N, C-alpha and C. Protein backbone atom coordinates (compact mmCIF):
# COMPACT_ATOMS: atom_id res chain seq x y z
N MET A 1 96.60 67.34 101.67
CA MET A 1 96.43 67.16 100.39
C MET A 1 97.65 67.59 99.67
N GLY A 2 97.33 66.93 98.32
CA GLY A 2 98.58 67.32 97.69
C GLY A 2 97.74 68.11 96.10
N ALA A 3 97.95 68.90 95.22
CA ALA A 3 96.97 69.47 94.43
C ALA A 3 96.64 68.53 92.97
N ILE A 4 95.64 69.13 92.53
CA ILE A 4 94.56 67.66 91.49
C ILE A 4 95.04 68.52 90.77
N ARG A 5 95.90 67.41 89.82
CA ARG A 5 96.36 67.96 88.25
C ARG A 5 95.23 67.95 87.95
N THR A 6 95.30 68.77 86.03
CA THR A 6 94.34 68.37 85.30
C THR A 6 94.01 67.65 84.89
N PRO A 7 94.22 66.75 84.16
CA PRO A 7 93.40 65.80 83.51
C PRO A 7 94.00 65.59 82.30
N ARG A 8 95.54 64.91 81.25
CA ARG A 8 95.11 65.27 80.18
C ARG A 8 94.94 64.84 79.91
N GLU A 9 93.71 64.47 79.63
CA GLU A 9 92.21 64.27 78.41
C GLU A 9 92.09 65.26 78.37
N LYS A 10 91.86 66.79 79.72
CA LYS A 10 91.17 68.26 79.42
C LYS A 10 92.23 68.64 78.48
N TRP A 11 93.91 68.49 78.32
CA TRP A 11 94.52 69.39 77.65
C TRP A 11 94.27 68.88 76.50
N ILE A 12 93.71 67.67 75.89
CA ILE A 12 93.40 67.30 74.74
C ILE A 12 92.62 67.73 74.19
N GLU A 13 91.22 67.68 74.59
CA GLU A 13 89.89 67.70 74.51
C GLU A 13 90.43 69.55 74.13
N GLU A 14 90.85 70.63 75.00
CA GLU A 14 91.31 71.47 74.84
C GLU A 14 92.38 71.93 73.65
N GLY A 15 93.02 71.48 73.36
CA GLY A 15 93.79 71.20 72.19
C GLY A 15 92.47 71.20 70.54
N LEU A 16 91.98 70.22 70.97
CA LEU A 16 91.05 70.30 70.18
C LEU A 16 89.59 71.26 69.80
N ARG A 17 89.52 71.31 71.05
CA ARG A 17 88.86 72.81 70.90
C ARG A 17 89.09 74.10 70.50
N ALA A 18 90.71 74.61 70.43
CA ALA A 18 91.39 75.59 69.99
C ALA A 18 91.40 75.15 68.55
N LEU A 19 91.97 73.83 67.67
CA LEU A 19 92.03 73.84 66.88
C LEU A 19 91.13 73.65 66.28
N ALA A 20 89.23 73.12 66.33
CA ALA A 20 88.21 73.48 65.46
C ALA A 20 88.41 75.00 65.65
N ALA A 21 88.60 75.52 65.92
CA ALA A 21 88.88 77.23 66.39
C ALA A 21 89.38 77.95 65.67
N GLY A 22 91.01 77.15 65.33
CA GLY A 22 91.92 77.86 64.84
C GLY A 22 92.72 77.83 63.92
N GLY A 23 92.56 75.86 63.93
CA GLY A 23 93.35 75.34 63.09
C GLY A 23 94.54 75.18 64.16
N PRO A 24 95.41 74.10 63.54
CA PRO A 24 96.93 73.46 64.68
C PRO A 24 97.17 74.86 64.98
N GLU A 25 97.85 76.16 64.31
CA GLU A 25 98.25 77.46 65.45
C GLU A 25 97.75 77.66 66.52
N ALA A 26 96.08 78.26 66.25
CA ALA A 26 96.17 78.22 67.97
C ALA A 26 96.00 77.12 68.49
N VAL A 27 96.54 76.33 69.07
CA VAL A 27 97.13 75.03 69.72
C VAL A 27 98.57 75.37 70.02
N ARG A 28 98.12 76.22 71.53
CA ARG A 28 98.89 77.26 71.83
C ARG A 28 99.02 76.16 73.77
N ILE A 29 100.39 76.49 73.82
CA ILE A 29 100.12 75.63 75.43
C ILE A 29 99.99 77.43 76.26
N GLU A 30 100.60 78.41 76.50
CA GLU A 30 99.64 79.53 77.53
C GLU A 30 98.16 79.43 76.97
N PRO A 31 97.35 79.74 75.77
CA PRO A 31 96.29 79.69 76.03
C PRO A 31 95.51 78.79 75.64
N LEU A 32 96.33 77.75 76.50
CA LEU A 32 95.52 76.15 76.71
C LEU A 32 94.88 76.72 78.19
N ALA A 33 96.12 76.71 79.01
CA ALA A 33 96.21 76.51 79.59
C ALA A 33 95.32 77.29 80.58
N GLN A 34 94.87 79.01 80.45
CA GLN A 34 94.16 79.90 80.56
C GLN A 34 92.90 79.21 80.59
N ALA A 35 92.38 78.70 78.84
CA ALA A 35 91.13 77.98 78.49
C ALA A 35 91.02 77.28 80.15
N LEU A 36 92.04 76.62 80.11
CA LEU A 36 91.53 75.97 81.43
C LEU A 36 92.05 76.17 82.87
N GLY A 37 92.30 77.49 82.93
CA GLY A 37 92.19 77.22 84.72
C GLY A 37 93.72 77.53 84.71
N VAL A 38 94.36 76.91 84.77
CA VAL A 38 95.47 75.99 85.26
C VAL A 38 96.90 76.59 85.18
N SER A 39 97.74 76.87 85.39
CA SER A 39 99.30 76.90 84.49
C SER A 39 99.94 76.03 83.91
N LYS A 40 100.37 76.45 83.41
CA LYS A 40 101.49 76.66 82.47
C LYS A 40 101.76 74.83 82.54
N GLY A 41 103.07 75.05 84.05
CA GLY A 41 103.65 74.02 84.29
C GLY A 41 102.95 72.40 84.43
N GLY A 42 101.84 72.42 84.16
CA GLY A 42 101.05 71.62 84.66
C GLY A 42 101.22 70.04 82.99
N PHE A 43 101.12 70.70 82.02
CA PHE A 43 101.08 70.60 80.41
C PHE A 43 102.37 70.05 80.36
N TYR A 44 103.86 70.23 80.56
CA TYR A 44 104.82 69.21 81.12
C TYR A 44 104.39 68.31 81.81
N GLY A 45 104.19 68.52 82.74
CA GLY A 45 103.98 66.80 83.72
C GLY A 45 103.66 65.22 82.30
N TYR A 46 102.60 65.80 80.98
CA TYR A 46 102.13 64.94 80.22
C TYR A 46 102.56 65.00 78.81
N PHE A 47 103.13 66.54 78.19
CA PHE A 47 103.75 66.20 77.06
C PHE A 47 104.82 66.91 77.21
N ARG A 48 105.85 66.42 76.39
CA ARG A 48 106.95 67.10 75.65
C ARG A 48 107.09 68.51 75.38
N ASN A 49 106.11 67.97 74.52
CA ASN A 49 106.42 69.92 74.08
C ASN A 49 104.88 69.71 72.96
N ARG A 50 105.11 70.47 72.37
CA ARG A 50 104.00 71.06 72.00
C ARG A 50 103.12 69.84 70.28
N ASP A 51 104.60 69.77 69.64
CA ASP A 51 104.17 68.56 69.48
C ASP A 51 103.83 67.39 69.97
N ALA A 52 103.77 66.87 70.97
CA ALA A 52 103.32 65.72 71.25
C ALA A 52 102.35 66.46 71.66
N LEU A 53 101.60 66.93 72.03
CA LEU A 53 100.13 67.28 72.28
C LEU A 53 99.17 67.21 71.17
N LEU A 54 100.23 67.43 70.22
CA LEU A 54 98.86 67.30 68.75
C LEU A 54 99.24 66.30 68.45
N ALA A 55 100.03 65.38 68.25
CA ALA A 55 100.30 63.79 68.28
C ALA A 55 98.58 63.47 68.89
N GLU A 56 98.50 63.07 70.00
CA GLU A 56 97.66 62.92 70.97
C GLU A 56 96.56 63.55 70.38
N MET A 57 96.43 64.62 70.35
CA MET A 57 94.87 65.13 69.99
C MET A 57 94.73 64.20 68.27
N LEU A 58 96.02 64.56 67.54
CA LEU A 58 95.22 63.60 66.48
C LEU A 58 94.37 62.20 67.41
N ASP A 59 95.45 61.44 67.85
CA ASP A 59 94.99 60.50 68.12
C ASP A 59 93.81 59.98 68.69
N THR A 60 93.63 60.56 69.08
CA THR A 60 92.28 60.95 69.79
C THR A 60 91.10 61.19 68.43
N TRP A 61 91.84 62.22 67.94
CA TRP A 61 90.58 62.79 66.77
C TRP A 61 90.42 61.17 66.35
N GLU A 62 91.35 60.65 65.55
CA GLU A 62 91.05 59.70 65.52
C GLU A 62 90.18 58.33 65.85
N ARG A 63 90.84 57.82 66.88
CA ARG A 63 89.80 56.25 66.98
C ARG A 63 88.82 57.55 68.08
N GLU A 64 88.08 58.67 68.18
CA GLU A 64 86.36 59.19 68.06
C GLU A 64 85.85 58.85 67.06
N VAL A 65 86.29 59.20 65.83
CA VAL A 65 85.47 59.62 65.18
C VAL A 65 85.77 58.20 64.01
N THR A 66 86.27 57.07 64.35
CA THR A 66 86.36 56.13 63.80
C THR A 66 85.83 55.37 64.85
N GLU A 67 86.41 54.08 64.98
CA GLU A 67 86.60 53.48 66.22
C GLU A 67 84.53 53.58 67.67
N ALA A 68 85.36 54.38 67.93
CA ALA A 68 84.52 54.97 68.60
C ALA A 68 82.77 55.70 68.48
N VAL A 69 82.70 56.13 67.14
CA VAL A 69 81.85 56.27 66.76
C VAL A 69 80.90 54.42 66.29
N ILE A 70 81.47 54.30 65.35
CA ILE A 70 81.20 52.38 64.76
C ILE A 70 81.14 51.72 66.25
N GLU A 71 82.08 51.61 67.16
CA GLU A 71 81.39 50.49 68.78
C GLU A 71 80.08 51.55 68.89
N GLN A 72 79.75 52.64 69.30
CA GLN A 72 77.65 52.75 69.47
C GLN A 72 77.04 52.53 68.99
N ALA A 73 77.53 52.83 67.06
CA ALA A 73 76.70 52.33 65.87
C ALA A 73 75.89 51.52 65.95
N GLU A 74 76.98 50.25 66.54
CA GLU A 74 76.71 48.60 66.24
C GLU A 74 76.73 48.23 67.13
N GLY A 75 76.75 49.12 68.91
CA GLY A 75 75.75 48.85 70.09
C GLY A 75 74.83 48.30 70.55
N GLY A 76 73.81 49.19 69.85
CA GLY A 76 72.50 49.05 69.89
C GLY A 76 71.79 47.62 69.26
N GLY A 77 72.83 47.18 68.13
CA GLY A 77 71.81 45.17 67.39
C GLY A 77 71.34 46.04 66.37
N GLY A 78 70.63 44.90 66.00
CA GLY A 78 69.53 45.36 64.85
C GLY A 78 70.43 45.60 63.58
N ASP A 79 69.31 45.52 62.77
CA ASP A 79 70.03 45.22 60.80
C ASP A 79 71.09 45.88 61.00
N ALA A 80 71.44 46.04 60.07
CA ALA A 80 72.35 47.33 58.47
C ALA A 80 71.41 48.58 58.96
N ARG A 81 69.93 48.94 58.36
CA ARG A 81 69.27 49.99 58.79
C ARG A 81 69.28 50.36 60.32
N ALA A 82 69.09 50.26 60.88
CA ALA A 82 69.10 50.16 61.87
C ALA A 82 70.60 50.76 62.81
N ARG A 83 71.35 50.14 62.33
CA ARG A 83 72.91 50.56 62.91
C ARG A 83 73.48 51.41 61.71
N LEU A 84 72.68 52.11 60.47
CA LEU A 84 72.67 53.33 60.04
C LEU A 84 72.27 54.14 60.17
N ALA A 85 70.61 54.45 61.04
CA ALA A 85 70.20 54.51 61.60
C ALA A 85 71.23 55.91 62.38
N ARG A 86 71.50 55.05 63.46
CA ARG A 86 71.75 55.29 64.87
C ARG A 86 73.10 55.77 64.27
N LEU A 87 73.93 55.71 63.65
CA LEU A 87 75.26 55.88 63.54
C LEU A 87 74.19 57.88 62.74
N PHE A 88 74.09 57.91 61.47
CA PHE A 88 73.52 59.17 61.51
C PHE A 88 73.29 59.67 62.63
N ALA A 89 71.67 59.33 63.99
CA ALA A 89 71.80 59.89 64.58
C ALA A 89 72.76 60.50 65.77
N ILE A 90 73.83 59.80 65.90
CA ILE A 90 75.03 60.13 66.20
C ILE A 90 75.93 61.12 65.61
N VAL A 91 76.02 61.04 64.67
CA VAL A 91 76.68 62.11 64.12
C VAL A 91 75.72 63.74 64.14
N ALA A 92 74.84 63.94 64.41
CA ALA A 92 73.51 64.98 64.09
C ALA A 92 73.93 65.19 64.86
N ALA A 93 73.95 64.33 66.22
CA ALA A 93 73.97 64.71 67.64
C ALA A 93 75.28 65.54 68.16
N ALA A 94 76.69 65.72 67.32
CA ALA A 94 77.20 65.68 67.46
C ALA A 94 76.84 67.39 67.30
N SER A 95 77.53 67.96 69.20
CA SER A 95 77.95 69.60 69.18
C SER A 95 78.88 69.87 68.47
N ASP A 96 79.63 71.28 68.75
CA ASP A 96 80.46 71.64 68.08
C ASP A 96 81.76 72.04 68.97
N GLY A 97 81.34 71.29 70.37
CA GLY A 97 82.32 71.91 70.90
C GLY A 97 83.28 70.31 70.92
N SER A 98 82.60 68.56 70.87
CA SER A 98 82.91 67.44 70.59
C SER A 98 84.27 66.93 69.71
N VAL A 99 84.99 66.43 70.79
CA VAL A 99 85.67 65.76 69.24
C VAL A 99 85.08 65.13 67.34
N ILE A 100 83.78 65.18 67.89
CA ILE A 100 83.43 64.61 66.56
C ILE A 100 82.72 65.63 65.80
N SER A 101 82.62 67.04 66.41
CA SER A 101 82.23 68.11 65.21
C SER A 101 82.32 67.97 64.60
N VAL A 102 82.04 68.72 63.89
CA VAL A 102 81.97 68.86 61.88
C VAL A 102 83.34 70.12 61.71
N ALA A 103 83.57 71.22 63.06
CA ALA A 103 84.71 72.07 63.10
C ALA A 103 85.96 71.13 63.03
N ALA A 104 86.10 70.64 64.11
CA ALA A 104 86.64 69.74 64.83
C ALA A 104 86.79 68.94 62.91
N GLU A 105 86.19 68.34 62.39
CA GLU A 105 86.00 67.63 61.21
C GLU A 105 87.09 68.78 59.99
N LEU A 106 86.84 69.68 59.73
CA LEU A 106 87.01 71.18 59.10
C LEU A 106 88.41 71.03 59.41
N ALA A 107 88.43 70.65 60.80
CA ALA A 107 90.02 72.15 60.76
C ALA A 107 91.28 71.18 60.82
N VAL A 108 90.66 69.20 60.73
CA VAL A 108 91.84 68.84 60.71
C VAL A 108 92.12 68.09 59.16
N ARG A 109 91.24 68.09 58.18
CA ARG A 109 90.81 68.74 56.98
C ARG A 109 91.88 69.82 56.46
N ASP A 110 91.68 70.96 57.05
CA ASP A 110 92.64 71.85 55.75
C ASP A 110 93.64 72.31 57.23
N TRP A 111 94.02 71.36 58.11
CA TRP A 111 96.09 71.00 58.47
C TRP A 111 96.39 69.58 57.54
N ALA A 112 95.55 69.43 56.86
CA ALA A 112 95.61 68.19 56.37
C ALA A 112 96.41 68.71 55.13
N ARG A 113 95.83 69.26 54.41
CA ARG A 113 95.91 69.87 53.39
C ARG A 113 97.76 70.32 53.55
N ARG A 114 98.48 70.61 54.63
CA ARG A 114 99.93 72.01 54.36
C ARG A 114 100.44 70.24 55.44
N ASP A 115 99.71 69.21 56.15
CA ASP A 115 101.07 68.54 56.98
C ASP A 115 101.06 66.91 56.33
N GLU A 116 101.62 66.89 55.54
CA GLU A 116 101.90 65.49 54.60
C GLU A 116 101.11 64.45 55.80
N ALA A 117 101.76 64.54 56.91
CA ALA A 117 101.09 63.82 58.07
C ALA A 117 100.43 63.18 58.34
N VAL A 118 99.74 64.34 58.47
CA VAL A 118 98.27 64.97 58.58
C VAL A 118 97.14 64.15 57.69
N ALA A 119 97.42 64.84 56.06
CA ALA A 119 96.97 63.98 55.14
C ALA A 119 96.39 62.27 55.32
N GLU A 120 98.35 61.59 55.49
CA GLU A 120 97.88 60.48 55.28
C GLU A 120 97.54 60.14 56.69
N ARG A 121 97.39 60.90 57.61
CA ARG A 121 96.34 59.75 59.39
C ARG A 121 94.03 59.77 58.62
N LEU A 122 94.57 61.18 57.51
CA LEU A 122 92.82 61.31 57.42
C LEU A 122 92.47 60.54 56.53
N ARG A 123 93.32 60.23 55.11
CA ARG A 123 93.62 59.21 54.01
C ARG A 123 92.83 58.11 54.95
N ARG A 124 93.70 57.86 56.17
CA ARG A 124 93.44 56.20 57.49
C ARG A 124 91.73 56.95 57.71
N VAL A 125 91.37 57.60 58.14
CA VAL A 125 90.65 58.16 59.26
C VAL A 125 89.50 57.92 57.57
N ASP A 126 89.57 58.24 56.70
CA ASP A 126 88.36 58.87 55.25
C ASP A 126 87.58 57.25 55.13
N ASN A 127 89.91 56.46 55.07
CA ASN A 127 89.01 55.18 54.47
C ASN A 127 88.11 53.46 55.78
N ARG A 128 88.40 53.96 56.36
CA ARG A 128 88.28 53.18 57.02
C ARG A 128 86.39 53.83 57.72
N ARG A 129 86.06 55.18 57.60
CA ARG A 129 84.47 55.26 57.60
C ARG A 129 84.17 54.69 56.10
N MET A 130 84.28 55.12 55.66
CA MET A 130 84.16 54.38 54.28
C MET A 130 83.62 53.05 54.21
N ASP A 131 84.71 52.43 55.35
CA ASP A 131 84.75 50.56 54.47
C ASP A 131 83.54 50.58 55.25
N TYR A 132 83.21 51.05 56.82
CA TYR A 132 82.23 50.81 57.65
C TYR A 132 80.69 51.06 57.29
N LEU A 133 80.85 51.83 55.78
CA LEU A 133 79.83 52.32 55.36
C LEU A 133 79.40 51.32 54.12
N ARG A 134 80.09 51.05 53.54
CA ARG A 134 80.20 50.14 52.95
C ARG A 134 79.31 49.31 53.48
N SER A 135 80.02 48.54 54.46
CA SER A 135 79.82 47.03 54.70
C SER A 135 78.00 46.77 54.88
N LEU A 136 77.82 48.53 55.90
CA LEU A 136 75.77 48.68 56.11
C LEU A 136 75.49 48.46 54.95
N TYR A 137 75.86 49.66 53.56
CA TYR A 137 75.10 49.24 52.71
C TYR A 137 74.89 47.71 51.59
N ARG A 138 75.80 47.25 52.45
CA ARG A 138 76.26 45.58 51.11
C ARG A 138 75.18 45.09 51.65
N ALA A 139 74.68 44.94 53.34
CA ALA A 139 73.09 44.03 53.80
C ALA A 139 72.92 44.39 52.81
N PHE A 140 71.92 45.49 52.86
CA PHE A 140 70.36 45.60 51.56
C PHE A 140 71.20 46.08 50.36
N CYS A 141 71.96 46.02 49.77
CA CYS A 141 72.49 46.37 48.27
C CYS A 141 72.99 45.44 47.78
N ALA A 142 72.29 45.49 46.77
CA ALA A 142 73.49 44.00 46.29
C ALA A 142 73.90 44.44 45.67
N ASP A 143 74.15 46.23 44.03
CA ASP A 143 74.93 46.50 43.82
C ASP A 143 76.32 47.23 43.99
N GLU A 144 77.29 46.81 43.69
CA GLU A 144 78.68 47.43 44.77
C GLU A 144 78.46 48.80 44.00
N ASP A 145 77.51 48.94 42.94
CA ASP A 145 77.58 50.78 42.32
C ASP A 145 76.86 51.57 43.59
N GLU A 146 76.42 50.47 43.14
CA GLU A 146 75.34 51.17 44.69
C GLU A 146 75.26 51.73 45.46
N VAL A 147 76.69 50.40 46.31
CA VAL A 147 76.36 50.63 47.78
C VAL A 147 77.87 52.01 47.57
N GLU A 148 78.76 51.86 46.47
CA GLU A 148 79.44 53.22 47.09
C GLU A 148 79.76 53.71 46.43
N VAL A 149 78.14 54.31 46.05
CA VAL A 149 77.35 55.64 45.46
C VAL A 149 76.98 55.79 47.13
N ARG A 150 76.48 55.48 47.71
CA ARG A 150 74.96 55.58 48.92
C ARG A 150 76.94 56.02 50.37
N ALA A 151 78.16 55.22 50.08
CA ALA A 151 78.45 55.82 50.64
C ALA A 151 79.01 56.19 50.80
N LEU A 152 79.30 57.42 49.18
CA LEU A 152 79.74 58.33 49.37
C LEU A 152 79.34 59.80 49.51
N LEU A 153 77.77 59.86 49.24
CA LEU A 153 76.73 60.51 49.47
C LEU A 153 76.65 60.55 50.69
N THR A 154 76.77 59.19 51.21
CA THR A 154 76.90 59.70 52.87
C THR A 154 77.21 60.25 53.16
N PHE A 155 78.64 60.06 53.21
CA PHE A 155 80.24 60.28 53.73
C PHE A 155 80.51 62.15 52.98
N SER A 156 79.69 62.35 52.24
CA SER A 156 80.19 63.54 51.57
C SER A 156 78.68 64.34 52.61
N SER A 157 77.63 63.84 52.19
CA SER A 157 76.28 64.92 53.19
C SER A 157 77.47 65.49 54.81
N ARG A 158 77.88 64.97 55.35
CA ARG A 158 78.60 65.19 56.56
C ARG A 158 79.65 65.77 56.37
N ILE A 159 79.95 65.55 55.36
CA ILE A 159 81.50 66.71 55.80
C ILE A 159 80.61 68.33 54.95
N GLY A 160 80.55 68.33 53.85
CA GLY A 160 80.08 69.36 52.30
C GLY A 160 78.75 69.86 52.81
N THR A 161 77.43 69.77 53.41
CA THR A 161 76.63 69.81 54.41
C THR A 161 76.41 71.48 54.50
N ARG A 162 77.68 71.78 55.38
CA ARG A 162 78.34 72.96 55.64
C ARG A 162 78.46 74.19 55.33
N PHE A 163 78.61 73.22 53.10
CA PHE A 163 78.90 74.31 52.86
C PHE A 163 78.72 75.96 51.70
N ILE A 164 77.22 74.52 51.85
CA ILE A 164 76.42 74.68 51.40
C ILE A 164 75.07 75.67 51.80
N ALA A 165 75.16 77.08 50.92
CA ALA A 165 74.01 77.96 51.36
C ALA A 165 73.00 78.02 50.74
N ALA A 166 72.46 77.28 49.95
CA ALA A 166 70.86 77.42 49.45
C ALA A 166 69.39 77.11 50.33
N ASP A 167 68.48 77.62 49.75
CA ASP A 167 67.75 77.72 50.61
C ASP A 167 67.24 76.28 49.94
N HIS A 168 65.43 75.45 50.73
CA HIS A 168 65.69 74.28 50.30
C HIS A 168 64.33 74.49 50.24
N GLY A 169 63.80 75.17 49.18
CA GLY A 169 61.92 74.92 49.31
C GLY A 169 61.00 75.44 49.64
N GLY A 170 61.50 76.04 51.17
CA GLY A 170 60.43 76.05 52.06
C GLY A 170 60.67 75.30 52.83
N ARG A 171 61.80 73.94 53.16
CA ARG A 171 62.03 73.05 53.57
C ARG A 171 63.28 73.21 54.52
N SER A 172 63.64 72.96 56.06
CA SER A 172 64.42 73.56 56.56
C SER A 172 66.21 72.37 56.35
N ARG A 173 67.14 72.86 56.38
CA ARG A 173 68.42 71.74 56.14
C ARG A 173 67.80 71.01 56.97
N GLN A 174 67.34 70.68 58.54
CA GLN A 174 67.48 69.42 58.76
C GLN A 174 66.10 68.43 58.50
N GLU A 175 64.97 68.96 57.68
CA GLU A 175 64.58 68.73 57.45
C GLU A 175 64.25 67.99 55.40
N VAL A 176 65.44 68.70 55.34
CA VAL A 176 66.45 68.44 54.08
C VAL A 176 67.01 66.61 54.52
N MET A 177 68.30 67.51 55.34
CA MET A 177 68.78 66.24 55.60
C MET A 177 67.85 64.52 56.54
N LEU A 178 66.72 65.18 57.00
CA LEU A 178 66.34 63.83 57.28
C LEU A 178 65.71 62.92 55.75
N LEU A 179 65.10 63.72 54.86
CA LEU A 179 64.63 62.98 53.52
C LEU A 179 65.98 62.62 53.19
N ALA A 180 67.31 63.09 52.55
CA ALA A 180 67.96 62.20 52.47
C ALA A 180 68.65 61.24 52.83
N ARG A 181 68.39 60.75 54.47
CA ARG A 181 68.72 59.88 55.70
C ARG A 181 67.74 58.47 54.48
N GLU A 182 66.48 58.97 54.94
CA GLU A 182 65.43 58.38 54.36
C GLU A 182 65.82 57.38 53.08
N TRP A 183 66.13 58.16 52.41
CA TRP A 183 66.42 57.81 51.17
C TRP A 183 67.92 56.90 50.63
N LEU A 184 68.58 57.14 51.49
CA LEU A 184 69.88 57.06 51.27
C LEU A 184 69.47 55.22 51.87
N MET A 185 68.38 55.71 53.30
CA MET A 185 68.00 54.25 53.56
C MET A 185 67.45 52.96 53.54
N ARG A 186 66.38 53.19 51.93
CA ARG A 186 65.64 52.59 51.62
C ARG A 186 66.49 51.58 50.46
């Protein structure tokens, strides 16, 4: 019986974890192999070099934070508010080790500040996400200005809440986020 190869997806997932932890500079073949408990030779069975891995990591991240999340939100049916509630739950449940984690999001955003190709991809991802949010809010908001504001606030809370260190008047951050979600869905 031949040796079992580490699946391609495991290399990509581990690369995304390294990216989230230390940026693109932290995505190195030898440390990834060590984290996976394998030799680095298996890497070259899937990827011609580190740049190929980085490109596939971005492909995976883009697919997972856009189409995969949207499919999950849409999958349960219901009206726009029900899908929006599902979307909030999906995003809130994303653990720090997942592809759709805030840590991975922030790492890609930081990388995009230094790499125009990554910045272009990020623009595409952000536009897709905003378009989806607009479509949900349009279902119950007639005013296009209100649709845009709600979509921006929703998206901004996803990205920016990690940077806010303020206390919330006796409420937990989770309680405030739930209040914000309720407000956005009314």
